[in-house]
């Protein structure tokens, strides 16, 4: 499998880049953008590969501020076409493609909201997420959307900064959930702030559990979000000190007890690492080299569960072909990256 897969990378200012050989060679994707989205102003914060068609890739771009563009590729990321969607005044921060139905697409927005299509992107409905539109960091944003692989109607969304949101009816109705037990993570020199357990960077679901990443560590619930078990991580290098600002999350598709977490010292950070758990997040081990910034995103695909890719916010790309146990860094670095996805297709 080594090298025979595609990596799609969403960057800050430089659009989408794609590698059809696992990260050895890269080309810049052709994007069908409206006139206002000029070269050098194309931020891509969301990239997702279809679970049903490995050659179909979706991406979310923001041209000028507040003018988002939704894009779809049918040639494994080589080129993207504009998909009309009601995005005026919004930015795209996350995309989820249903593992149950190829026609269901969810798009997470800033200010926090979710759009849903049930016809493959031909029409869209804004869902009543109910998240706060403003927070102490400006406008809120839906950083992640996750559809339960075992239950099509169970959907989770993470909002920065307003908590976790859950729907059990496919997104028609939502309940806000605040992580609890976070204060147990804090050491004697740390100060608790009420927004710390509402600042959610990512959400993953599978095997009857939901996981969330935050600035103060990792949280996992096995009772639909009523109670949470938090954890932090060992030192990435002995003597280097702990880091626990958690961003990217990935649950291994064929083993929900195996979880990968991308962490760093802060945002954007000066160092980061990928931590791996094989017991559902109760214990962790660092499995990658130390990166130049927080590990912002981690990606997998259900058809190649042993193969994964990750990126740091300052452009380093890492890949694994053994279920995340070990990682290697690709030869090419990028400026800044915000999203990553992989496909079993090789272009």
C-alpha atoms as a PDB file:
ATOM      1  CA  UNK A   1       0.000   0.000   0.000  1.00  0.00           C
ATOM      2  CA  UNK A   2       2.937   2.336   0.537  1.00  0.00           C
ATOM      3  CA  UNK A   3       2.649   5.193  -1.952  1.00  0.00           C
ATOM      4  CA  UNK A   4      -0.447   3.866  -3.763  1.00  0.00           C
ATOM      5  CA  UNK A   5      -2.899   6.384  -2.315  1.00  0.00           C
ATOM      6  CA  UNK A   6      -3.786  10.052  -2.695  1.00  0.00           C
ATOM      7  CA  UNK A   7      -3.270  12.863  -0.183  1.00  0.00           C
ATOM      8  CA  UNK A   8      -5.266  16.092  -0.541  1.00  0.00           C
ATOM      9  CA  UNK A   9      -4.033  19.113   1.393  1.00  0.00           C
ATOM     10  CA  UNK A  10      -5.928  22.313   2.154  1.00  0.00           C
ATOM     11  CA  UNK A  11      -3.638  25.302   2.574  1.00  0.00           C
ATOM     12  CA  UNK A  12      -3.710  28.892   3.716  1.00  0.00           C
ATOM     13  CA  UNK A  13      -3.636  31.191   0.648  1.00  0.00           C
ATOM     14  CA  UNK A  14      -2.499  28.499  -1.799  1.00  0.00           C
ATOM     15  CA  UNK A  15      -5.645  26.424  -2.412  1.00  0.00           C
ATOM     16  CA  UNK A  16      -5.544  22.615  -2.619  1.00  0.00           C
ATOM     17  CA  UNK A  17      -2.478  20.515  -3.316  1.00  0.00           C
ATOM     18  CA  UNK A  18      -2.699  16.830  -4.201  1.00  0.00           C
ATOM     19  CA  UNK A  19      -0.265  13.924  -4.263  1.00  0.00           C
ATOM     20  CA  UNK A  20      -1.258  10.712  -6.040  1.00  0.00           C
ATOM     21  CA  UNK A  21       1.687   8.714  -4.701  1.00  0.00           C
ATOM     22  CA  UNK A  22       1.344   9.073  -0.948  1.00  0.00           C
ATOM     23  CA  UNK A  23       3.199  12.376  -0.633  1.00  0.00           C
ATOM     24  CA  UNK A  24       6.236  11.986  -2.875  1.00  0.00           C
ATOM     25  CA  UNK A  25       5.200  14.304  -5.717  1.00  0.00           C
ATOM     26  CA  UNK A  26       2.671  17.154  -5.475  1.00  0.00           C
ATOM     27  CA  UNK A  27       0.642  19.245  -7.879  1.00  0.00           C
ATOM     28  CA  UNK A  28      -1.592  22.222  -7.262  1.00  0.00           C
ATOM     29  CA  UNK A  29      -5.249  21.476  -7.955  1.00  0.00           C
ATOM     30  CA  UNK A  30      -7.200  23.527 -10.464  1.00  0.00           C
ATOM     31  CA  UNK A  31     -10.038  25.281  -8.638  1.00  0.00           C
ATOM     32  CA  UNK A  32     -13.160  26.629 -10.341  1.00  0.00           C
ATOM     33  CA  UNK A  33     -13.359  29.891  -8.421  1.00  0.00           C
ATOM     34  CA  UNK A  34     -15.479  33.011  -8.922  1.00  0.00           C
ATOM     35  CA  UNK A  35     -13.692  36.261  -9.880  1.00  0.00           C
ATOM     36  CA  UNK A  36     -13.422  37.560  -6.318  1.00  0.00           C
ATOM     37  CA  UNK A  37     -11.356  34.544  -5.194  1.00  0.00           C
ATOM     38  CA  UNK A  38      -8.026  35.624  -6.624  1.00  0.00           C
ATOM     39  CA  UNK A  39      -4.846  33.584  -6.550  1.00  0.00           C
ATOM     40  CA  UNK A  40      -3.040  34.021  -3.265  1.00  0.00           C
ATOM     41  CA  UNK A  41      -6.299  34.537  -1.369  1.00  0.00           C
ATOM     42  CA  UNK A  42      -7.633  30.979  -1.448  1.00  0.00           C
ATOM     43  CA  UNK A  43      -7.805  29.540   2.065  1.00  0.00           C
ATOM     44  CA  UNK A  44      -8.991  25.937   2.250  1.00  0.00           C
ATOM     45  CA  UNK A  45      -9.963  24.829   5.747  1.00  0.00           C
ATOM     46  CA  UNK A  46     -11.932  21.694   4.849  1.00  0.00           C
ATOM     47  CA  UNK A  47     -11.192  18.707   2.596  1.00  0.00           C
ATOM     48  CA  UNK A  48     -13.058  15.371   2.578  1.00  0.00           C
ATOM     49  CA  UNK A  49     -12.993  12.245   0.407  1.00  0.00           C
ATOM     50  CA  UNK A  50     -16.195  10.329  -0.276  1.00  0.00           C
ATOM     51  CA  UNK A  51     -16.454   6.980   1.548  1.00  0.00           C
ATOM     52  CA  UNK A  52     -18.402   5.675  -1.462  1.00  0.00           C
ATOM     53  CA  UNK A  53     -16.388   7.049  -4.390  1.00  0.00           C
ATOM     54  CA  UNK A  54     -12.670   7.436  -3.652  1.00  0.00           C
ATOM     55  CA  UNK A  55     -12.211   9.718  -6.662  1.00  0.00           C
ATOM     56  CA  UNK A  56     -14.702  12.288  -5.327  1.00  0.00           C
ATOM     57  CA  UNK A  57     -13.173  14.973  -3.106  1.00  0.00           C
ATOM     58  CA  UNK A  58     -14.938  17.957  -1.526  1.00  0.00           C
ATOM     59  CA  UNK A  59     -13.217  21.150  -0.393  1.00  0.00           C
ATOM     60  CA  UNK A  60     -14.318  24.364   1.273  1.00  0.00           C
ATOM     61  CA  UNK A  61     -12.598  27.591   0.269  1.00  0.00           C
ATOM     62  CA  UNK A  62     -12.911  31.153   1.507  1.00  0.00           C
ATOM     63  CA  UNK A  63     -12.062  33.746  -1.108  1.00  0.00           C
ATOM     64  CA  UNK A  64     -12.441  37.259   0.238  1.00  0.00           C
ATOM     65  CA  UNK A  65     -13.621  37.318   3.875  1.00  0.00           C
ATOM     66  CA  UNK A  66     -17.107  35.938   4.284  1.00  0.00           C
ATOM     67  CA  UNK A  67     -17.427  34.683   0.687  1.00  0.00           C
ATOM     68  CA  UNK A  68     -17.040  30.937   0.817  1.00  0.00           C
ATOM     69  CA  UNK A  69     -16.849  28.572  -2.136  1.00  0.00           C
ATOM     70  CA  UNK A  70     -17.811  24.886  -2.007  1.00  0.00           C
ATOM     71  CA  UNK A  71     -15.897  22.709  -4.464  1.00  0.00           C
ATOM     72  CA  UNK A  72     -16.105  19.114  -5.697  1.00  0.00           C
ATOM     73  CA  UNK A  73     -13.561  17.036  -7.569  1.00  0.00           C
ATOM     74  CA  UNK A  74     -14.428  13.896  -9.528  1.00  0.00           C
ATOM     75  CA  UNK A  75     -10.847  13.199 -10.620  1.00  0.00           C
ATOM     76  CA  UNK A  76      -9.228  12.503  -7.257  1.00  0.00           C
ATOM     77  CA  UNK A  77      -8.346  16.101  -6.489  1.00  0.00           C
ATOM     78  CA  UNK A  78      -6.711  17.084  -9.771  1.00  0.00           C
ATOM     79  CA  UNK A  79      -9.431  19.656 -10.517  1.00  0.00           C
ATOM     80  CA  UNK A  80     -12.433  21.050  -8.643  1.00  0.00           C
ATOM     81  CA  UNK A  81     -15.742  22.481  -9.816  1.00  0.00           C
ATOM     82  CA  UNK A  82     -17.802  25.086  -7.970  1.00  0.00           C
ATOM     83  CA  UNK A  83     -20.920  23.701  -6.235  1.00  0.00           C
ATOM     84  CA  UNK A  84     -23.553  26.417  -5.649  1.00  0.00           C
ATOM     85  CA  UNK A  85     -24.595  26.639  -1.998  1.00  0.00           C
ATOM     86  CA  UNK A  86     -26.157  29.347   0.257  1.00  0.00           C
ATOM     87  CA  UNK A  87     -22.906  30.614   1.743  1.00  0.00           C
ATOM     88  CA  UNK A  88     -23.208  34.414   1.701  1.00  0.00           C
ATOM     89  CA  UNK A  89     -21.554  35.863   4.796  1.00  0.00           C
ATOM     90  CA  UNK A  90     -20.125  32.483   5.838  1.00  0.00           C
ATOM     91  CA  UNK A  91     -16.855  30.577   5.765  1.00  0.00           C
ATOM     92  CA  UNK A  92     -16.514  26.800   5.392  1.00  0.00           C
ATOM     93  CA  UNK A  93     -14.653  25.194   8.290  1.00  0.00           C
ATOM     94  CA  UNK A  94     -15.608  21.511   7.992  1.00  0.00           C
ATOM     95  CA  UNK A  95     -17.188  18.981   5.632  1.00  0.00           C
ATOM     96  CA  UNK A  96     -18.688  15.578   6.491  1.00  0.00           C
ATOM     97  CA  UNK A  97     -19.766  12.980   3.920  1.00  0.00           C
ATOM     98  CA  UNK A  98     -22.186  10.339   5.166  1.00  0.00           C
ATOM     99  CA  UNK A  99     -20.775   6.797   5.312  1.00  0.00           C
ATOM    100  CA  UNK A 100     -24.353   5.545   4.913  1.00  0.00           C
ATOM    101  CA  UNK A 101     -25.675   7.566   1.983  1.00  0.00           C
ATOM    102  CA  UNK A 102     -23.527   9.083  -0.780  1.00  0.00           C
ATOM    103  CA  UNK A 103     -26.075  11.858  -1.337  1.00  0.00           C
ATOM    104  CA  UNK A 104     -25.834  13.280   2.215  1.00  0.00           C
ATOM    105  CA  UNK A 105     -23.301  16.071   2.763  1.00  0.00           C
ATOM    106  CA  UNK A 106     -22.890  18.309   5.830  1.00  0.00           C
ATOM    107  CA  UNK A 107     -20.934  21.566   5.771  1.00  0.00           C
ATOM    108  CA  UNK A 108     -19.825  23.320   8.974  1.00  0.00           C
ATOM    109  CA  UNK A 109     -19.735  27.105   8.857  1.00  0.00           C
ATOM    110  CA  UNK A 110     -18.374  30.246  10.486  1.00  0.00           C
ATOM    111  CA  UNK A 111     -20.389  31.854  12.130  1.00  0.00           C
ATOM    112  CA  UNK A 112     -21.311  28.493  13.626  1.00  0.00           C
ATOM    113  CA  UNK A 113     -23.924  26.652  11.614  1.00  0.00           C
ATOM    114  CA  UNK A 114     -24.435  23.570   9.470  1.00  0.00           C
ATOM    115  CA  UNK A 115     -25.737  23.158   5.925  1.00  0.00           C
ATOM    116  CA  UNK A 116     -27.123  19.805   4.784  1.00  0.00           C
ATOM    117  CA  UNK A 117     -27.711  18.389   1.326  1.00  0.00           C
ATOM    118  CA  UNK A 118     -29.574  15.113   0.800  1.00  0.00           C
ATOM    119  CA  UNK A 119     -29.257  15.098  -2.986  1.00  0.00           C
ATOM    120  CA  UNK A 120     -25.521  15.159  -3.539  1.00  0.00           C
ATOM    121  CA  UNK A 121     -25.165  18.939  -3.348  1.00  0.00           C
ATOM    122  CA  UNK A 122     -27.935  20.008  -5.735  1.00  0.00           C
ATOM    123  CA  UNK A 123     -29.916  21.701  -2.951  1.00  0.00           C
ATOM    124  CA  UNK A 124     -29.163  22.743   0.616  1.00  0.00           C
ATOM    125  CA  UNK A 125     -30.931  23.367   3.924  1.00  0.00           C
ATOM    126  CA  UNK A 126     -29.556  25.370   6.839  1.00  0.00           C
ATOM    127  CA  UNK A 127     -29.973  23.305  10.000  1.00  0.00           C
ATOM    128  CA  UNK A 128     -31.090  24.807  13.306  1.00  0.00           C
ATOM    129  CA  UNK A 129     -27.841  24.110  15.168  1.00  0.00           C
ATOM    130  CA  UNK A 130     -28.583  26.740  17.799  1.00  0.00           C
ATOM    131  CA  UNK A 131     -24.959  27.648  18.484  1.00  0.00           C
ATOM    132  CA  UNK A 132     -23.894  31.103  19.605  1.00  0.00           C
ATOM    133  CA  UNK A 133     -22.861  33.260  16.648  1.00  0.00           C
ATOM    134  CA  UNK A 134     -20.342  35.298  18.646  1.00  0.00           C
ATOM    135  CA  UNK A 135     -17.755  34.264  21.197  1.00  0.00           C
ATOM    136  CA  UNK A 136     -14.818  35.848  22.969  1.00  0.00           C
ATOM    137  CA  UNK A 137     -12.685  35.175  19.888  1.00  0.00           C
ATOM    138  CA  UNK A 138     -15.055  36.872  17.443  1.00  0.00           C
ATOM    139  CA  UNK A 139     -17.513  34.781  15.470  1.00  0.00           C
ATOM    140  CA  UNK A 140     -17.945  31.140  16.432  1.00  0.00           C
ATOM    141  CA  UNK A 141     -17.150  28.325  13.971  1.00  0.00           C
ATOM    142  CA  UNK A 142     -18.213  24.724  13.407  1.00  0.00           C
ATOM    143  CA  UNK A 143     -14.775  23.159  13.461  1.00  0.00           C
ATOM    144  CA  UNK A 144     -15.915  19.594  12.801  1.00  0.00           C
ATOM    145  CA  UNK A 145     -18.969  17.487  11.949  1.00  0.00           C
ATOM    146  CA  UNK A 146     -19.020  13.716  12.500  1.00  0.00           C
ATOM    147  CA  UNK A 147     -21.648  11.178  11.433  1.00  0.00           C
ATOM    148  CA  UNK A 148     -21.808   7.977  13.472  1.00  0.00           C
ATOM    149  CA  UNK A 149     -20.640   5.105  11.221  1.00  0.00           C
ATOM    150  CA  UNK A 150     -23.123   2.764  12.911  1.00  0.00           C
ATOM    151  CA  UNK A 151     -26.167   5.070  13.094  1.00  0.00           C
ATOM    152  CA  UNK A 152     -26.981   7.363  10.180  1.00  0.00           C
ATOM    153  CA  UNK A 153     -29.138   9.765  12.213  1.00  0.00           C
ATOM    154  CA  UNK A 154     -26.544  10.320  14.955  1.00  0.00           C
ATOM    155  CA  UNK A 155     -24.538  13.455  14.159  1.00  0.00           C
ATOM    156  CA  UNK A 156     -22.093  15.411  16.294  1.00  0.00           C
ATOM    157  CA  UNK A 157     -20.695  18.897  15.718  1.00  0.00           C
ATOM    158  CA  UNK A 158     -17.914  20.769  17.515  1.00  0.00           C
ATOM    159  CA  UNK A 159     -18.114  24.529  17.901  1.00  0.00           C
ATOM    160  CA  UNK A 160     -15.288  26.887  18.739  1.00  0.00           C
ATOM    161  CA  UNK A 161     -16.284  28.431  21.136  1.00  0.00           C
ATOM    162  CA  UNK A 162     -19.646  27.022  22.285  1.00  0.00           C
ATOM    163  CA  UNK A 163     -19.386  23.307  23.056  1.00  0.00           C
ATOM    164  CA  UNK A 164     -20.458  20.066  21.418  1.00  0.00           C
ATOM    165  CA  UNK A 165     -23.790  19.700  19.633  1.00  0.00           C
ATOM    166  CA  UNK A 166     -25.651  16.423  19.081  1.00  0.00           C
ATOM    167  CA  UNK A 167     -28.510  15.405  16.814  1.00  0.00           C
ATOM    168  CA  UNK A 168     -30.242  12.026  16.852  1.00  0.00           C
ATOM    169  CA  UNK A 169     -32.522  12.734  13.884  1.00  0.00           C
ATOM    170  CA  UNK A 170     -30.099  13.451  11.059  1.00  0.00           C
ATOM    171  CA  UNK A 171     -29.610  17.117  11.929  1.00  0.00           C
ATOM    172  CA  UNK A 172     -33.187  18.382  12.162  1.00  0.00           C
ATOM    173  CA  UNK A 173     -32.872  19.017  15.909  1.00  0.00           C
ATOM    174  CA  UNK A 174     -29.801  19.601  18.085  1.00  0.00           C
ATOM    175  CA  UNK A 175     -28.902  19.592  21.770  1.00  0.00           C
ATOM    176  CA  UNK A 176     -25.962  21.524  23.208  1.00  0.00           C
ATOM    177  CA  UNK A 177     -23.563  19.562  25.388  1.00  0.00           C
ATOM    178  CA  UNK A 178     -20.885  21.020  27.642  1.00  0.00           C
ATOM    179  CA  UNK A 179     -17.922  18.821  28.519  1.00  0.00           C
ATOM    180  CA  UNK A 180     -17.649  18.134  32.219  1.00  0.00           C
ATOM    181  CA  UNK A 181     -14.817  17.006  34.495  1.00  0.00           C
ATOM    182  CA  UNK A 182     -12.299  19.219  32.698  1.00  0.00           C
ATOM    183  CA  UNK A 183     -10.976  20.768  35.894  1.00  0.00           C
ATOM    184  CA  UNK A 184      -9.524  17.398  36.850  1.00  0.00           C
ATOM    185  CA  UNK A 185      -6.935  17.870  34.091  1.00  0.00           C
ATOM    186  CA  UNK A 186      -5.504  21.105  35.414  1.00  0.00           C
ATOM    187  CA  UNK A 187      -2.268  21.226  37.354  1.00  0.00           C
ATOM    188  CA  UNK A 188      -1.545  23.480  40.343  1.00  0.00           C
ATOM    189  CA  UNK A 189      -0.267  26.347  38.189  1.00  0.00           C
ATOM    190  CA  UNK A 190      -3.211  26.364  35.752  1.00  0.00           C
ATOM    191  CA  UNK A 191      -6.228  28.614  36.021  1.00  0.00           C
ATOM    192  CA  UNK A 192      -9.694  27.329  35.107  1.00  0.00           C
ATOM    193  CA  UNK A 193     -11.745  29.398  32.689  1.00  0.00           C
ATOM    194  CA  UNK A 194     -15.352  28.606  31.881  1.00  0.00           C
ATOM    195  CA  UNK A 195     -14.732  28.775  28.147  1.00  0.00           C
ATOM    196  CA  UNK A 196     -12.010  26.113  28.206  1.00  0.00           C
ATOM    197  CA  UNK A 197     -14.447  23.197  28.148  1.00  0.00           C
ATOM    198  CA  UNK A 198     -16.545  24.898  25.464  1.00  0.00           C
ATOM    199  CA  UNK A 199     -13.660  25.546  23.055  1.00  0.00           C
ATOM    200  CA  UNK A 200     -14.008  22.426  20.899  1.00  0.00           C
ATOM    201  CA  UNK A 201     -11.537  21.882  18.065  1.00  0.00           C
ATOM    202  CA  UNK A 202     -12.692  18.513  16.732  1.00  0.00           C
ATOM    203  CA  UNK A 203     -15.100  15.641  17.257  1.00  0.00           C
ATOM    204  CA  UNK A 204     -14.940  11.949  16.325  1.00  0.00           C
ATOM    205  CA  UNK A 205     -17.528   9.201  16.806  1.00  0.00           C
ATOM    206  CA  UNK A 206     -17.432   5.434  16.537  1.00  0.00           C
ATOM    207  CA  UNK A 207     -17.804   2.234  18.502  1.00  0.00           C
ATOM    208  CA  UNK A 208     -20.427   3.749  20.801  1.00  0.00           C
ATOM    209  CA  UNK A 209     -18.144   6.594  21.896  1.00  0.00           C
ATOM    210  CA  UNK A 210     -17.696  10.258  21.003  1.00  0.00           C
ATOM    211  CA  UNK A 211     -14.355  12.052  21.360  1.00  0.00           C
ATOM    212  CA  UNK A 212     -13.593  15.768  21.498  1.00  0.00           C
ATOM    213  CA  UNK A 213     -10.391  17.805  21.344  1.00  0.00           C
ATOM    214  CA  UNK A 214      -9.854  21.007  23.321  1.00  0.00           C
ATOM    215  CA  UNK A 215      -7.060  23.410  24.366  1.00  0.00           C
ATOM    216  CA  UNK A 216      -6.704  21.537  27.660  1.00  0.00           C
ATOM    217  CA  UNK A 217      -6.729  17.937  26.424  1.00  0.00           C
ATOM    218  CA  UNK A 218      -8.789  15.042  25.109  1.00  0.00           C
ATOM    219  CA  UNK A 219     -12.314  14.074  26.203  1.00  0.00           C
ATOM    220  CA  UNK A 220     -14.295  10.864  25.551  1.00  0.00           C
ATOM    221  CA  UNK A 221     -17.887   9.917  26.366  1.00  0.00           C
ATOM    222  CA  UNK A 222     -19.582   6.522  26.130  1.00  0.00           C
ATOM    223  CA  UNK A 223     -23.035   7.684  27.289  1.00  0.00           C
ATOM    224  CA  UNK A 224     -24.067  10.117  24.553  1.00  0.00           C
ATOM    225  CA  UNK A 225     -22.263  13.039  26.148  1.00  0.00           C
ATOM    226  CA  UNK A 226     -23.788  12.901  29.620  1.00  0.00           C
ATOM    227  CA  UNK A 227     -20.410  12.307  31.263  1.00  0.00           C
ATOM    228  CA  UNK A 228     -16.863  12.664  29.932  1.00  0.00           C
ATOM    229  CA  UNK A 229     -13.499  11.087  30.734  1.00  0.00           C
ATOM    230  CA  UNK A 230     -10.678  13.560  30.081  1.00  0.00           C
ATOM    231  CA  UNK A 231      -7.019  12.763  29.570  1.00  0.00           C
ATOM    232  CA  UNK A 232      -3.705  14.367  28.714  1.00  0.00           C
ATOM    233  CA  UNK A 233      -0.580  13.052  27.069  1.00  0.00           C
ATOM    234  CA  UNK A 234       2.957  11.972  27.979  1.00  0.00           C
ATOM    235  CA  UNK A 235       5.956  14.041  26.979  1.00  0.00           C
ATOM    236  CA  UNK A 236       6.718  13.852  23.252  1.00  0.00           C
ATOM    237  CA  UNK A 237      10.419  13.656  24.106  1.00  0.00           C
ATOM    238  CA  UNK A 238      11.737  12.802  27.587  1.00  0.00           C
ATOM    239  CA  UNK A 239      12.483  15.999  29.467  1.00  0.00           C
ATOM    240  CA  UNK A 240      10.700  18.207  26.911  1.00  0.00           C
ATOM    241  CA  UNK A 241       7.632  18.772  29.059  1.00  0.00           C
ATOM    242  CA  UNK A 242       4.017  17.887  28.382  1.00  0.00           C
ATOM    243  CA  UNK A 243       1.938  19.490  25.654  1.00  0.00           C
ATOM    244  CA  UNK A 244      -1.813  19.073  25.494  1.00  0.00           C
ATOM    245  CA  UNK A 245      -3.349  21.677  23.168  1.00  0.00           C
ATOM    246  CA  UNK A 246      -5.361  19.161  21.128  1.00  0.00           C
ATOM    247  CA  UNK A 247      -6.587  19.745  17.582  1.00  0.00           C
ATOM    248  CA  UNK A 248      -6.776  16.951  14.986  1.00  0.00           C
ATOM    249  CA  UNK A 249      -8.547  13.699  15.886  1.00  0.00           C
ATOM    250  CA  UNK A 250      -8.937  10.390  14.060  1.00  0.00           C
ATOM    251  CA  UNK A 251     -10.628   7.186  15.186  1.00  0.00           C
ATOM    252  CA  UNK A 252      -9.331   4.152  13.304  1.00  0.00           C
ATOM    253  CA  UNK A 253     -12.212   3.006  11.138  1.00  0.00           C
ATOM    254  CA  UNK A 254     -11.856  -0.718  11.869  1.00  0.00           C
ATOM    255  CA  UNK A 255     -10.876  -0.333  15.548  1.00  0.00           C
ATOM    256  CA  UNK A 256     -12.562   2.489  17.518  1.00  0.00           C
ATOM    257  CA  UNK A 257     -10.293   1.869  20.501  1.00  0.00           C
ATOM    258  CA  UNK A 258      -7.373   3.150  18.420  1.00  0.00           C
ATOM    259  CA  UNK A 259      -7.430   6.956  18.416  1.00  0.00           C
ATOM    260  CA  UNK A 260      -4.906   9.432  17.025  1.00  0.00           C
ATOM    261  CA  UNK A 261      -4.663  12.951  18.446  1.00  0.00           C
ATOM    262  CA  UNK A 262      -2.721  15.881  17.027  1.00  0.00           C
ATOM    263  CA  UNK A 263      -1.367  18.113  19.800  1.00  0.00           C
ATOM    264  CA  UNK A 264       0.860  21.119  20.283  1.00  0.00           C
ATOM    265  CA  UNK A 265       2.049  23.579  22.868  1.00  0.00           C
ATOM    266  CA  UNK A 266      -0.397  26.299  21.768  1.00  0.00           C
ATOM    267  CA  UNK A 267      -1.800  27.736  18.538  1.00  0.00           C
ATOM    268  CA  UNK A 268      -0.084  27.935  16.098  1.00  0.00           C
ATOM    269  CA  UNK A 269       2.624  26.598  18.345  1.00  0.00           C
ATOM    270  CA  UNK A 270       6.337  25.943  18.114  1.00  0.00           C
ATOM    271  CA  UNK A 271       6.172  22.150  18.526  1.00  0.00           C
ATOM    272  CA  UNK A 272       3.646  19.381  18.188  1.00  0.00           C
ATOM    273  CA  UNK A 273       3.323  15.601  18.007  1.00  0.00           C
ATOM    274  CA  UNK A 274       0.880  12.839  17.163  1.00  0.00           C
ATOM    275  CA  UNK A 275      -0.249  10.856  20.187  1.00  0.00           C
ATOM    276  CA  UNK A 276      -1.822   7.384  19.831  1.00  0.00           C
ATOM    277  CA  UNK A 277      -4.106   5.423  22.124  1.00  0.00           C
ATOM    278  CA  UNK A 278      -5.096   1.777  21.696  1.00  0.00           C
ATOM    279  CA  UNK A 279      -7.435   1.666  24.697  1.00  0.00           C
ATOM    280  CA  UNK A 280     -10.036   4.249  23.817  1.00  0.00           C
ATOM    281  CA  UNK A 281      -8.126   7.273  25.096  1.00  0.00           C
ATOM    282  CA  UNK A 282      -7.289   6.081  28.582  1.00  0.00           C
ATOM    283  CA  UNK A 283      -3.549   5.986  27.897  1.00  0.00           C
ATOM    284  CA  UNK A 284      -1.384   7.513  25.175  1.00  0.00           C
ATOM    285  CA  UNK A 285       2.042   7.285  23.569  1.00  0.00           C
ATOM    286  CA  UNK A 286       3.793   9.774  21.238  1.00  0.00           C
ATOM    287  CA  UNK A 287       4.273   8.094  17.856  1.00  0.00           C
ATOM    288  CA  UNK A 288       5.615  10.782  15.519  1.00  0.00           C
ATOM    289  CA  UNK A 289       8.609  13.044  15.378  1.00  0.00           C
ATOM    290  CA  UNK A 290       8.177  16.445  16.988  1.00  0.00           C
ATOM    291  CA  UNK A 291       6.684  18.846  14.442  1.00  0.00           C
ATOM    292  CA  UNK A 292       7.239  22.562  13.958  1.00  0.00           C
ATOM    293  CA  UNK A 293       3.759  23.520  15.233  1.00  0.00           C
ATOM    294  CA  UNK A 294       0.521  21.966  16.444  1.00  0.00           C
ATOM    295  CA  UNK A 295      -0.631  18.912  14.449  1.00  0.00           C
ATOM    296  CA  UNK A 296      -3.764  20.516  13.053  1.00  0.00           C
ATOM    297  CA  UNK A 297      -5.474  17.701  11.146  1.00  0.00           C
ATOM    298  CA  UNK A 298      -5.346  13.894  10.812  1.00  0.00           C
ATOM    299  CA  UNK A 299      -7.116  11.888   8.106  1.00  0.00           C
ATOM    300  CA  UNK A 300      -8.021   8.315   7.235  1.00  0.00           C
ATOM    301  CA  UNK A 301     -10.368   6.442   4.898  1.00  0.00           C
ATOM    302  CA  UNK A 302     -12.431   3.381   5.727  1.00  0.00           C
ATOM    303  CA  UNK A 303     -11.172   1.452   2.666  1.00  0.00           C
ATOM    304  CA  UNK A 304      -7.530   1.753   3.798  1.00  0.00           C
ATOM    305  CA  UNK A 305      -7.720   1.729   7.612  1.00  0.00           C
ATOM    306  CA  UNK A 306      -3.973   1.250   8.094  1.00  0.00           C
ATOM    307  CA  UNK A 307      -3.116   4.336   6.035  1.00  0.00           C
ATOM    308  CA  UNK A 308      -3.289   7.821   7.561  1.00  0.00           C
ATOM    309  CA  UNK A 309      -2.016  11.328   6.899  1.00  0.00           C
ATOM    310  CA  UNK A 310      -1.531  14.386   9.103  1.00  0.00           C
ATOM    311  CA  UNK A 311      -0.333  17.966   8.803  1.00  0.00           C
ATOM    312  CA  UNK A 312       1.063  20.584  11.126  1.00  0.00           C
ATOM    313  CA  UNK A 313      -0.265  24.120  10.898  1.00  0.00           C
ATOM    314  CA  UNK A 314       3.106  25.282   9.522  1.00  0.00           C
ATOM    315  CA  UNK A 315       3.097  22.926   6.577  1.00  0.00           C
ATOM    316  CA  UNK A 316       4.738  19.653   7.554  1.00  0.00           C
ATOM    317  CA  UNK A 317       2.982  16.539   6.194  1.00  0.00           C
ATOM    318  CA  UNK A 318       3.282  13.104   7.805  1.00  0.00           C
ATOM    319  CA  UNK A 319       2.004   9.700   6.688  1.00  0.00           C
ATOM    320  CA  UNK A 320       1.541   6.291   8.278  1.00  0.00           C
ATOM    321  CA  UNK A 321       0.842   2.879   6.727  1.00  0.00           C
ATOM    322  CA  UNK A 322       0.671   0.842   9.936  1.00  0.00           C
ATOM    323  CA  UNK A 323      -2.443   2.196  11.622  1.00  0.00           C
ATOM    324  CA  UNK A 324      -0.695   5.217  13.094  1.00  0.00           C
ATOM    325  CA  UNK A 325       1.913   3.244  15.041  1.00  0.00           C
ATOM    326  CA  UNK A 326       4.772   4.966  13.191  1.00  0.00           C
ATOM    327  CA  UNK A 327       4.929   8.071  10.983  1.00  0.00           C
ATOM    328  CA  UNK A 328       7.268   9.455   8.353  1.00  0.00           C
ATOM    329  CA  UNK A 329       7.520  13.013   7.101  1.00  0.00           C
ATOM    330  CA  UNK A 330       7.166  13.774   3.417  1.00  0.00           C
ATOM    331  CA  UNK A 331      10.044  15.550   1.676  1.00  0.00           C
ATOM    332  CA  UNK A 332       8.018  18.628   0.770  1.00  0.00           C
ATOM    333  CA  UNK A 333       6.873  21.239   3.287  1.00  0.00           C
ATOM    334  CA  UNK A 334       4.165  23.821   2.641  1.00  0.00           C
ATOM    335  CA  UNK A 335       3.587  27.325   3.981  1.00  0.00           C
ATOM    336  CA  UNK A 336       0.534  26.879   6.182  1.00  0.00           C
ATOM    337  CA  UNK A 337      -1.962  24.030   6.105  1.00  0.00           C
ATOM    338  CA  UNK A 338      -5.447  23.678   7.557  1.00  0.00           C
ATOM    339  CA  UNK A 339      -6.954  20.413   6.276  1.00  0.00           C
ATOM    340  CA  UNK A 340      -5.967  16.989   4.977  1.00  0.00           C
ATOM    341  CA  UNK A 341      -7.734  13.975   3.469  1.00  0.00           C
ATOM    342  CA  UNK A 342      -6.666  10.665   1.918  1.00  0.00           C
ATOM    343  CA  UNK A 343      -8.135   8.415  -0.755  1.00  0.00           C
ATOM    344  CA  UNK A 344      -7.381   4.797  -1.685  1.00  0.00           C
ATOM    345  CA  UNK A 345      -7.378   5.904  -5.336  1.00  0.00           C
ATOM    346  CA  UNK A 346      -4.013   6.810  -6.803  1.00  0.00           C
ATOM    347  CA  UNK A 347      -5.046   9.353  -9.392  1.00  0.00           C
END
